């Protein structure tokens, strides 16, 4: 007997989207060592200034977690996710 999925069949799409989001969010700060060489060429700066990019990415992530948790507790997950998306998209540099 065929049963209709409780999620309407969207479960695997949500799983795949979640995988890619986790891959990008947690994978990119760990790939700083690979990107570092390219950043040296692109930004034409010294190694000292360019190394701050990876340090700030790791540090801000650790410091922003309690703030994000407090915002989710106060406002809910959906508004915080939408606001975060707008905030992140404002920082993307499209040439």
Protein backbone atom coordinates (compact mmCIF):
# COMPACT_ATOMS: atom_id res chain seq x y z
CA UNK A 1 0.00 0.00 0.00
CA UNK A 2 1.36 3.43 -0.97
CA UNK A 3 1.46 6.08 1.71
CA UNK A 4 1.80 9.74 0.90
CA UNK A 5 4.90 11.25 2.58
CA UNK A 6 3.97 13.43 5.56
CA UNK A 7 6.08 16.29 4.19
CA UNK A 8 4.48 16.18 0.75
CA UNK A 9 7.61 14.70 -0.85
CA UNK A 10 9.86 17.68 -0.12
CA UNK A 11 11.94 15.92 2.53
CA UNK A 12 14.88 14.98 0.29
CA UNK A 13 15.09 18.47 -1.17
CA UNK A 14 15.28 19.90 2.34
CA UNK A 15 17.97 17.36 3.26
CA UNK A 16 20.01 18.26 0.15
CA UNK A 17 19.62 22.01 0.77
CA UNK A 18 20.64 21.56 4.40
CA UNK A 19 23.71 19.60 3.34
CA UNK A 20 24.87 22.32 0.96
CA UNK A 21 24.21 25.07 3.52
CA UNK A 22 26.25 23.20 6.14
CA UNK A 23 28.97 22.54 3.57
CA UNK A 24 29.25 26.24 2.71
CA UNK A 25 28.88 27.62 6.24
CA UNK A 26 31.25 25.22 7.97
CA UNK A 27 33.48 24.31 5.05
CA UNK A 28 34.51 27.76 3.90
CA UNK A 29 36.16 28.88 7.15
CA UNK A 30 38.14 25.65 7.13
CA UNK A 31 39.27 26.27 3.53
CA UNK A 32 41.01 29.53 4.38
CA UNK A 33 44.42 27.92 3.90
CA UNK A 34 43.58 26.99 0.33
CA UNK A 35 42.14 30.41 -0.46
CA UNK A 36 44.95 32.31 1.24
CA UNK A 37 47.34 32.04 -1.70
CA UNK A 38 44.72 33.44 -4.06
CA UNK A 39 43.91 36.30 -1.69
CA UNK A 40 47.57 37.31 -1.64
CA UNK A 41 47.47 37.75 -5.41
CA UNK A 42 44.05 39.38 -5.64
CA UNK A 43 44.41 41.94 -2.85
CA UNK A 44 48.12 42.75 -3.39
CA UNK A 45 48.66 43.03 0.36
CA UNK A 46 51.21 41.53 2.70
CA UNK A 47 50.83 38.22 4.44
CA UNK A 48 50.11 39.90 7.77
CA UNK A 49 47.06 41.83 6.55
CA UNK A 50 45.73 38.97 4.45
CA UNK A 51 45.98 36.49 7.33
CA UNK A 52 43.42 38.53 9.29
CA UNK A 53 40.66 37.34 6.96
CA UNK A 54 40.79 33.76 8.22
CA UNK A 55 41.23 34.82 11.84
CA UNK A 56 38.25 37.15 11.72
CA UNK A 57 36.06 34.54 10.05
CA UNK A 58 36.74 32.08 12.85
CA UNK A 59 36.60 34.65 15.65
CA UNK A 60 33.40 36.39 14.59
CA UNK A 61 31.69 33.04 14.21
CA UNK A 62 32.53 32.14 17.80
CA UNK A 63 31.52 35.52 19.18
CA UNK A 64 28.32 35.86 17.15
CA UNK A 65 26.85 32.53 18.26
CA UNK A 66 25.56 33.73 21.66
CA UNK A 67 24.16 36.88 20.05
CA UNK A 68 22.39 34.86 17.38
CA UNK A 69 21.02 32.48 20.00
CA UNK A 70 19.63 35.40 22.03
CA UNK A 71 18.01 36.89 18.91
CA UNK A 72 16.41 33.56 17.99
CA UNK A 73 15.05 33.23 21.53
CA UNK A 74 13.64 36.77 21.41
CA UNK A 75 12.37 37.09 17.84
CA UNK A 76 12.11 33.52 16.51
CA UNK A 77 14.16 31.57 13.98
CA UNK A 78 12.46 32.76 10.79
CA UNK A 79 12.89 36.55 11.24
CA UNK A 80 16.49 36.10 12.36
CA UNK A 81 17.27 33.88 9.35
CA UNK A 82 15.70 36.38 6.94
CA UNK A 83 17.52 39.32 8.52
CA UNK A 84 20.80 37.36 8.45
CA UNK A 85 20.30 36.58 4.77
CA UNK A 86 19.85 40.27 3.97
CA UNK A 87 22.87 41.17 6.09
CA UNK A 88 25.08 38.60 4.38
CA UNK A 89 23.87 39.49 0.89
CA UNK A 90 24.77 43.12 1.60
CA UNK A 91 28.37 42.08 2.18
CA UNK A 92 28.77 40.21 -1.11
CA UNK A 93 30.94 42.08 -3.59
CA UNK A 94 29.75 41.51 -7.13
CA UNK A 95 32.07 42.94 -9.74
